[in-house]
Amino acid sequence: MPNFFIPLSGLSASSEALTTISNNLANLNTVGYKDNQATFRDVFYQTMGNNGANNPIQIGGGSAVGSVTSNFTTGTIQPTGISSNAAINGNGFFVVQDNGAMEYTRAGDFTVNSAGQLTTQGGQLVMGYSATNGVVSAGQTLSPLQVNLGQLIPASPTTSMQMQTNLDASAAVGTSFSTPLTVYDSLGTPHDLTFQYTKTGSNAWDYQITLPAADTGGTGSPTVITSGSMTFNSNGTLASPTGTISGISISGLADGAANLNLNWNVQDAAGNSLITQSAAPSATSTTFQDGFASGTLTDYSIGSDGVVEGTFSNGQTLALGQVVLANFANVQGLSREGQNTYHASLSSGAAVIGTPGTGGRGTLTGGAVEASNVDIATEFANMIVTQRMFQANASVVTTFDQVSQTTINMKQ
């Protein structure tokens, strides 16, 4: 009698393969989705004996789905222009947390919750390394990333200042030139310093730095906070002073801020003069000071290394944190949990977490997402072949039915 189990196993296997293909097509536009492919295996064999050459005579018992493997090649990177979005170029998974449990995803269509935390569309928290005063320390404990627009960074007082200034060597003795520089105190209040240079002789100038009297609660003429002399070499470079003029202090500020202690760099790190003298009009080309007023977060972006950089209303750009990626010894061993997430398993091994671009991990593209890597033409071709498999096995069932009916009718 025919063994109906064999074609029925083929029908079952092809049906499961069609289900896999159907799931791929259903997720054609799912962000970060990875294509699945069902592969078949034979099941068992019945040994009927041996032939004259003593080779076994075996009859197969059908087929089954042996595995469903995932294609983890990178999908097309699609720009979105949304600051919270990120796409992975290469290997790795975003690390997210759901009710304290770690999960992993390729879908970077992140958003921000009411607490200012970066989250997935399913509400899982995006994990990474936090930043302290704009500095990220890799290897610290993972925590949810904060990108709360409107968050405040405190003011930072000026400690160092410099300017690129040329003094006119052809000017007459007694000629003065003034240039301003704004510095900030510990409360973020700006103070306008005036640097005044007066030529006293050949290759010689006096300098004086003043502050408006009102800034220290006074009235009348500006307050002199420091003064001194400068001499220049015959090539126009600064002969003295050199390096840094330190000990410039401003005390008794009217707004109650702490005393300002300033260092004025008159040479750069390579020893080149920042204050020069040549036969050209006196002018200041650039200024620099390291203080700033308080500011609020107005925008942010995710870099290729995962660093989330915030732009603040005071013009400062500081790191808010760093997105991390996880790698696995066997990505095929990951368990799909829906909602674009995976769980680690004994087969996948534990997650190895690090920063993008290190340890074989891919890099990130901010303001973009990774599209599904399902190829519709391939899926349609697979569907036709699998449909034929189903049709062929159905025909075998019909044939076995006819054979059975013929056998039953033999008694007539």
Protein backbone atom coordinates (compact mmCIF):
# COMPACT_ATOMS: atom_id res chain seq x y z
CA MET A 1 0.00 0.00 0.00
CA PRO A 2 1.19 3.54 -0.71
CA ASN A 3 2.72 5.48 2.15
CA PHE A 4 0.71 8.71 2.31
CA PHE A 5 3.11 10.11 4.92
CA ILE A 6 5.78 10.84 2.29
CA PRO A 7 3.80 13.27 0.09
CA LEU A 8 2.05 14.68 3.16
CA SER A 9 5.45 15.55 4.65
CA GLY A 10 6.30 17.30 1.38
CA LEU A 11 3.04 19.25 1.54
CA SER A 12 3.77 20.27 5.13
CA ALA A 13 7.37 21.32 4.37
CA SER A 14 6.41 23.32 1.28
CA SER A 15 3.59 24.96 3.22
CA GLU A 16 6.03 26.08 5.92
CA ALA A 17 8.40 27.39 3.25
CA LEU A 18 5.55 29.34 1.65
CA THR A 19 4.77 30.78 5.08
CA THR A 20 8.38 31.96 5.38
CA ILE A 21 8.24 33.57 1.94
CA SER A 22 4.92 35.18 2.81
CA ASN A 23 6.43 36.62 6.00
CA ASN A 24 9.35 38.06 4.02
CA LEU A 25 6.99 39.77 1.57
CA ALA A 26 4.81 41.04 4.40
CA ASN A 27 7.92 42.71 5.89
CA LEU A 28 9.13 44.16 2.61
CA ASN A 29 8.97 47.67 4.11
CA THR A 30 9.78 46.82 7.73
CA VAL A 31 12.76 48.87 8.98
CA GLY A 32 15.79 46.68 9.68
CA TYR A 33 14.02 43.43 8.75
CA LYS A 34 16.26 40.53 7.71
CA ASP A 35 15.17 38.10 5.02
CA ASN A 36 14.54 34.45 6.06
CA GLN A 37 15.03 31.37 3.91
CA ALA A 38 13.70 27.90 4.67
CA THR A 39 15.89 24.93 3.74
CA PHE A 40 14.75 21.30 3.58
CA ARG A 41 16.10 18.01 4.86
CA ASP A 42 15.11 14.41 4.37
CA VAL A 43 13.72 12.63 7.44
CA PHE A 44 14.34 8.89 7.92
CA TYR A 45 14.92 5.83 5.77
CA GLN A 46 13.56 2.28 5.96
CA THR A 47 16.12 -0.40 5.10
CA MET A 48 14.53 -3.14 3.05
CA GLY A 49 17.62 -5.34 2.90
CA ASN A 50 20.77 -5.56 0.79
CA ASN A 51 21.35 -6.17 -2.91
CA GLY A 52 23.77 -8.62 -4.43
CA ALA A 53 26.67 -6.20 -3.88
CA ASN A 54 25.68 -6.05 -0.21
CA ASN A 55 24.61 -2.43 -0.58
CA PRO A 56 21.63 -1.40 1.54
CA ILE A 57 18.25 -1.01 -0.11
CA GLN A 58 16.60 2.04 1.56
CA ILE A 59 13.33 3.86 0.96
CA GLY A 60 13.02 7.48 2.12
CA GLY A 61 10.30 8.69 4.44
CA GLY A 62 9.72 12.21 3.14
CA SER A 63 11.03 15.71 3.90
CA ALA A 64 10.81 18.44 6.52
CA VAL A 65 12.03 22.01 7.02
CA GLY A 66 15.59 21.60 8.30
CA SER A 67 16.31 25.23 9.15
CA VAL A 68 15.20 28.80 8.64
CA THR A 69 18.27 30.99 8.20
CA SER A 70 18.43 34.77 8.23
CA ASN A 71 20.29 36.93 5.74
CA PHE A 72 22.07 39.59 7.82
CA THR A 73 23.53 41.59 4.95
CA THR A 74 23.00 45.33 5.31
CA GLY A 75 19.86 46.71 3.72
CA THR A 76 19.69 49.95 1.77
CA ILE A 77 20.42 53.03 3.90
CA GLN A 78 17.54 55.47 3.54
CA PRO A 79 17.99 59.09 4.75
CA THR A 80 15.13 60.38 6.89
CA GLY A 81 16.47 63.69 8.16
CA ILE A 82 15.25 62.78 11.67
CA SER A 83 17.91 63.40 14.32
CA SER A 84 16.92 60.41 16.44
CA ASN A 85 17.28 57.89 13.58
CA ALA A 86 20.39 55.81 12.94
CA ALA A 87 21.30 53.01 10.53
CA ILE A 88 23.99 50.35 10.96
CA ASN A 89 26.49 49.92 8.11
CA GLY A 90 27.89 46.43 8.66
CA ASN A 91 27.71 44.06 11.61
CA GLY A 92 26.07 44.60 14.95
CA PHE A 93 22.80 45.28 16.71
CA PHE A 94 21.50 48.19 18.75
CA VAL A 95 21.15 47.35 22.43
CA VAL A 96 17.72 48.17 23.87
CA GLN A 97 16.08 47.51 27.21
CA ASP A 98 12.51 46.38 27.82
CA ASN A 99 11.40 46.22 31.47
CA GLY A 100 14.97 45.56 32.56
CA ALA A 101 15.65 42.83 29.96
CA MET A 102 18.26 43.41 27.24
CA GLU A 103 17.13 42.99 23.65
CA TYR A 104 18.77 43.65 20.30
CA THR A 105 17.55 45.23 17.07
CA ARG A 106 18.66 46.45 13.66
CA ALA A 107 15.78 48.92 13.43
CA GLY A 108 17.10 52.41 14.09
CA ASP A 109 13.87 54.35 13.59
CA PHE A 110 14.20 55.69 17.12
CA THR A 111 12.09 58.36 18.73
CA VAL A 112 12.10 60.23 22.05
CA ASN A 113 9.75 59.61 24.98
CA SER A 114 8.32 62.15 27.42
CA ALA A 115 11.36 61.75 29.69
CA GLY A 116 13.71 62.76 26.88
CA GLN A 117 15.05 59.22 26.46
CA LEU A 118 15.89 57.69 23.08
CA THR A 119 13.50 54.77 22.46
CA THR A 120 12.45 52.31 19.76
CA GLN A 121 9.03 52.54 18.16
CA GLY A 122 8.00 49.77 20.56
CA GLY A 123 9.04 51.80 23.61
CA GLN A 124 12.28 49.96 24.44
CA LEU A 125 15.03 52.23 25.80
CA VAL A 126 18.10 52.66 23.60
CA MET A 127 21.19 51.89 25.68
CA GLY A 128 24.66 53.37 25.50
CA TYR A 129 27.38 55.18 27.41
CA SER A 130 26.45 58.44 29.09
CA ALA A 131 28.57 61.62 28.93
CA THR A 132 29.80 63.71 31.83
CA ASN A 133 30.57 67.34 30.98
CA GLY A 134 30.67 66.39 27.31
CA VAL A 135 33.07 63.46 27.77
CA VAL A 136 32.05 59.84 27.11
CA SER A 137 33.86 57.09 29.03
CA ALA A 138 33.65 53.83 27.07
CA GLY A 139 33.30 50.64 29.09
CA GLN A 140 31.06 52.13 31.77
CA THR A 141 27.74 50.59 32.74
CA LEU A 142 25.12 50.91 30.02
CA SER A 143 22.31 53.37 30.65
CA PRO A 144 19.41 54.90 28.66
CA LEU A 145 20.51 57.73 26.39
CA GLN A 146 19.10 61.17 27.14
CA VAL A 147 18.42 63.67 24.33
CA ASN A 148 16.02 65.98 26.10
CA LEU A 149 15.61 69.14 24.02
CA GLY A 150 15.67 72.14 26.31
CA GLN A 151 18.04 70.56 28.84
CA LEU A 152 20.41 73.12 30.35
CA ILE A 153 24.18 73.16 30.46
CA PRO A 154 25.62 75.52 33.10
CA ALA A 155 27.89 78.41 32.31
CA SER A 156 31.64 77.93 32.30
CA PRO A 157 33.92 80.83 33.33
CA THR A 158 36.73 81.98 31.06
CA THR A 159 40.17 80.82 32.17
CA SER A 160 42.17 81.18 28.96
CA MET A 161 42.11 83.83 26.24
CA GLN A 162 44.12 84.80 23.19
CA MET A 163 43.96 86.95 20.07
CA GLN A 164 45.81 87.17 16.78
CA THR A 165 46.78 90.83 16.60
CA ASN A 166 49.20 92.85 14.47
CA LEU A 167 50.51 96.20 15.68
CA ASP A 168 51.55 98.73 13.03
CA ALA A 169 55.34 99.04 13.11
CA SER A 170 55.16 102.25 11.07
CA ALA A 171 52.89 104.01 13.57
CA ALA A 172 54.19 107.09 15.36
CA VAL A 173 55.20 106.92 19.00
CA GLY A 174 52.14 107.56 21.15
CA THR A 175 49.75 105.90 18.69
CA SER A 176 47.15 103.71 20.38
CA PHE A 177 45.10 100.77 19.13
CA SER A 178 42.23 99.09 20.99
CA THR A 179 40.50 95.74 20.46
CA PRO A 180 37.67 94.14 22.49
CA LEU A 181 37.26 90.60 23.84
CA THR A 182 34.20 89.22 25.65
CA VAL A 183 34.77 86.83 28.57
CA TYR A 184 32.28 85.05 30.84
CA ASP A 185 32.08 84.69 34.61
CA SER A 186 30.88 81.69 36.63
CA LEU A 187 27.24 82.76 36.25
CA GLY A 188 27.53 83.11 32.49
CA THR A 189 27.43 86.92 32.50
CA PRO A 190 29.50 88.41 29.66
CA HIS A 191 32.14 91.06 30.38
CA ASP A 192 33.71 93.16 27.63
CA LEU A 193 37.45 93.59 28.12
CA THR A 194 39.31 96.24 26.16
CA PHE A 195 42.93 95.59 25.16
CA GLN A 196 44.69 98.89 24.46
CA TYR A 197 48.18 99.00 22.91
CA THR A 198 50.25 102.24 22.89
CA LYS A 199 53.51 102.56 20.99
CA THR A 200 56.31 103.80 23.26
CA GLY A 201 59.30 103.46 20.93
CA SER A 202 60.95 101.37 18.26
CA ASN A 203 59.75 97.77 18.66
CA ALA A 204 58.16 98.71 21.99
CA TRP A 205 54.51 98.91 23.05
CA ASP A 206 52.63 99.19 26.34
CA TYR A 207 49.41 97.25 26.87
CA GLN A 208 46.52 97.80 29.24
CA ILE A 209 43.42 95.69 29.81
CA THR A 210 40.35 97.48 31.18
CA LEU A 211 36.85 96.48 32.30
CA PRO A 212 33.76 98.74 32.47
CA ALA A 213 33.46 100.14 36.00
CA ALA A 214 29.80 99.06 36.18
CA ASP A 215 30.84 95.40 36.00
CA THR A 216 32.37 95.68 39.47
CA GLY A 217 29.64 97.95 40.83
CA GLY A 218 31.49 101.21 40.23
CA THR A 219 30.99 104.27 38.06
CA GLY A 220 33.17 106.46 35.91
CA SER A 221 36.26 105.40 34.02
CA PRO A 222 36.95 101.76 33.16
CA THR A 223 38.83 99.69 35.71
CA VAL A 224 42.38 98.70 34.79
CA ILE A 225 42.83 95.02 35.58
CA THR A 226 46.40 94.61 34.28
CA SER A 227 49.06 96.43 32.27
CA GLY A 228 52.59 95.90 31.04
CA SER A 229 55.08 96.31 28.22
CA MET A 230 55.87 94.38 25.05
CA THR A 231 59.02 94.34 22.96
CA PHE A 232 59.43 92.88 19.50
CA ASN A 233 62.32 91.39 17.55
CA SER A 234 63.52 92.93 14.30
CA ASN A 235 61.45 90.37 12.36
CA GLY A 236 58.23 91.49 14.08
CA THR A 237 57.88 88.53 16.45
CA LEU A 238 57.26 89.04 20.14
CA ALA A 239 60.45 89.13 22.19
CA SER A 240 58.80 89.61 25.59
CA PRO A 241 56.70 88.62 27.31
CA THR A 242 56.53 85.07 25.95
CA GLY A 243 54.23 82.10 26.51
CA THR A 244 51.38 83.08 28.80
CA ILE A 245 50.66 86.17 30.86
CA SER A 246 49.04 84.74 33.98
CA GLY A 247 47.58 86.12 37.17
CA ILE A 248 45.04 88.42 35.50
CA SER A 249 42.28 88.60 38.12
CA ILE A 250 38.89 90.29 38.23
CA SER A 251 37.24 90.40 41.65
CA GLY A 252 34.15 91.98 43.17
CA LEU A 253 31.88 91.36 40.20
CA ALA A 254 28.55 93.11 40.59
CA ASP A 255 26.48 90.02 39.73
CA GLY A 256 27.98 88.04 42.62
CA ALA A 257 29.96 85.64 40.43
CA ALA A 258 33.22 84.12 41.57
CA ASN A 259 36.46 85.96 40.85
CA LEU A 260 37.78 85.56 37.31
CA ASN A 261 41.36 84.30 36.99
CA LEU A 262 42.56 84.68 33.42
CA ASN A 263 45.58 83.53 31.44
CA TRP A 264 46.46 85.43 28.27
CA ASN A 265 48.29 83.34 25.70
CA VAL A 266 50.59 85.57 23.63
CA GLN A 267 52.17 82.57 21.86
CA ASP A 268 50.55 79.42 20.51
CA ALA A 269 51.46 75.88 21.52
CA ALA A 270 54.24 75.78 18.89
CA GLY A 271 55.82 78.99 20.23
CA ASN A 272 54.64 81.21 17.38
CA SER A 273 53.82 84.80 18.25
CA LEU A 274 50.12 85.65 18.41
CA ILE A 275 50.95 89.34 18.89
CA THR A 276 53.12 90.59 16.02
CA GLN A 277 54.47 93.91 14.74
CA SER A 278 54.74 94.66 11.05
CA ALA A 279 54.25 97.65 8.77
CA ALA A 280 50.56 97.06 8.23
CA PRO A 281 47.48 98.62 9.84
CA SER A 282 46.91 97.51 13.41
CA ALA A 283 44.15 94.89 13.46
CA THR A 284 42.91 91.81 15.30
CA SER A 285 42.07 88.92 12.98
CA THR A 286 40.87 86.30 15.47
CA THR A 287 40.02 86.00 19.15
CA PHE A 288 39.44 83.03 21.42
CA GLN A 289 38.34 82.44 24.99
CA ASP A 290 37.16 79.19 26.58
CA GLY A 291 34.19 80.42 28.64
CA PHE A 292 30.53 80.40 27.71
CA ALA A 293 27.10 81.32 29.04
CA SER A 294 24.52 78.73 30.03
CA GLY A 295 22.55 77.25 27.15
CA THR A 296 19.76 74.85 26.27
CA LEU A 297 19.85 71.88 23.92
CA THR A 298 18.36 72.85 20.55
CA ASP A 299 19.38 69.91 18.35
CA TYR A 300 21.52 66.77 18.26
CA SER A 301 23.00 64.32 15.79
CA ILE A 302 24.36 60.77 15.86
CA GLY A 303 27.85 60.34 14.41
CA SER A 304 29.40 57.35 12.66
CA ASP A 305 31.05 56.33 15.94
CA GLY A 306 27.72 56.47 17.77
CA VAL A 307 28.48 59.67 19.68
CA VAL A 308 25.34 61.76 20.17
CA GLU A 309 26.44 65.39 19.87
CA GLY A 310 24.17 68.10 21.18
CA THR A 311 24.04 71.64 19.85
CA PHE A 312 23.18 74.25 22.48
CA SER A 313 21.75 77.74 22.21
CA ASN A 314 25.05 79.24 23.42
CA GLY A 315 26.88 77.83 20.39
CA GLN A 316 28.49 74.97 22.28
CA THR A 317 28.59 71.42 20.93
CA LEU A 318 28.91 68.72 23.58
CA ALA A 319 28.61 64.94 23.59
CA LEU A 320 25.40 63.73 25.25
CA GLY A 321 26.31 60.03 25.13
CA GLN A 322 27.29 57.24 22.76
CA VAL A 323 25.18 54.56 21.10
CA VAL A 324 26.69 51.07 21.44
CA LEU A 325 26.45 47.96 19.26
CA ALA A 326 26.40 44.27 20.17
CA ASN A 327 28.05 41.43 18.27
CA PHE A 328 27.44 37.69 18.65
CA ALA A 329 29.55 34.63 17.91
CA ASN A 330 26.61 33.08 16.02
CA VAL A 331 24.01 35.54 14.78
CA GLN A 332 21.95 32.66 13.34
CA GLY A 333 21.38 31.52 16.91
CA LEU A 334 19.50 34.71 17.86
CA SER A 335 15.84 34.28 18.72
CA ARG A 336 13.38 36.58 16.96
CA GLU A 337 10.83 38.03 19.35
CA GLY A 338 8.80 40.31 17.08
CA GLN A 339 8.74 44.11 17.29
CA ASN A 340 12.01 44.04 15.29
CA THR A 341 13.89 42.61 18.29
CA TYR A 342 16.10 39.61 18.98
CA HIS A 343 17.05 37.78 22.17
CA ALA A 344 20.38 36.12 22.84
CA SER A 345 20.35 32.33 23.25
CA LEU A 346 22.77 29.55 24.16
CA SER A 347 23.35 29.06 20.45
CA SER A 348 24.11 32.73 19.71
CA GLY A 349 26.38 33.21 22.68
CA ALA A 350 26.47 36.26 24.93
CA ALA A 351 26.44 39.75 23.48
CA VAL A 352 29.85 41.40 23.05
CA ILE A 353 29.15 45.11 23.44
CA GLY A 354 31.32 47.98 22.25
CA THR A 355 31.36 51.19 20.26
CA PRO A 356 30.58 51.38 16.52
CA GLY A 357 33.57 50.90 14.26
CA THR A 358 35.48 48.71 16.73
CA GLY A 359 35.83 44.95 17.13
CA GLY A 360 34.29 44.14 13.75
CA ARG A 361 31.19 46.22 14.46
CA GLY A 362 29.74 48.43 11.76
CA THR A 363 29.51 52.20 11.76
CA LEU A 364 26.38 54.33 12.03
CA THR A 365 24.70 56.77 9.69
CA GLY A 366 22.73 59.36 11.61
CA GLY A 367 19.44 60.72 10.31
CA ALA A 368 18.79 57.52 8.35
CA VAL A 369 17.34 54.03 8.71
CA GLU A 370 18.22 50.62 7.28
CA ALA A 371 15.55 49.29 4.95
CA SER A 372 14.46 45.65 4.80
CA ASN A 373 16.88 43.52 2.77
CA VAL A 374 14.07 41.42 1.25
CA ASP A 375 14.48 41.15 -2.55
CA ILE A 376 11.02 40.91 -4.09
CA ALA A 377 12.24 39.26 -7.32
CA THR A 378 14.04 36.51 -5.38
CA GLU A 379 11.01 35.92 -3.17
CA PHE A 380 8.69 35.60 -6.17
CA ALA A 381 11.06 33.09 -7.79
CA ASN A 382 11.25 31.09 -4.55
CA MET A 383 7.48 31.21 -4.26
CA ILE A 384 7.02 29.73 -7.74
CA VAL A 385 9.45 26.87 -7.04
CA THR A 386 7.88 26.14 -3.65
CA GLN A 387 4.39 26.28 -5.13
CA ARG A 388 5.45 23.67 -7.69
CA MET A 389 6.76 21.51 -4.86
CA PHE A 390 3.41 21.74 -3.10
CA GLN A 391 1.57 20.98 -6.36
CA ALA A 392 3.78 17.96 -7.11
CA ASN A 393 3.25 16.46 -3.65
CA ALA A 394 -0.49 17.03 -3.95
CA SER A 395 -0.40 15.11 -7.23
CA VAL A 396 1.41 12.24 -5.48
CA VAL A 397 -1.35 12.14 -2.84
CA THR A 398 -3.92 11.91 -5.65
CA THR A 399 -1.94 9.15 -7.33
CA PHE A 400 -1.64 7.20 -4.07
CA ASP A 401 -5.39 7.59 -3.60
CA GLN A 402 -6.02 6.12 -7.05
CA VAL A 403 -3.66 3.21 -6.32
CA SER A 404 -5.44 2.55 -3.04
CA GLN A 405 -8.83 2.66 -4.74
CA THR A 406 -7.64 0.24 -7.43
CA THR A 407 -6.35 -2.13 -4.75
CA ILE A 408 -9.71 -2.04 -2.93
CA ASN A 409 -11.58 -2.69 -6.17
CA MET A 410 -9.51 -5.82 -6.88
CA LYS A 411 -11.90 -7.89 -4.71
CA GLN A 412 -14.66 -7.15 -7.17
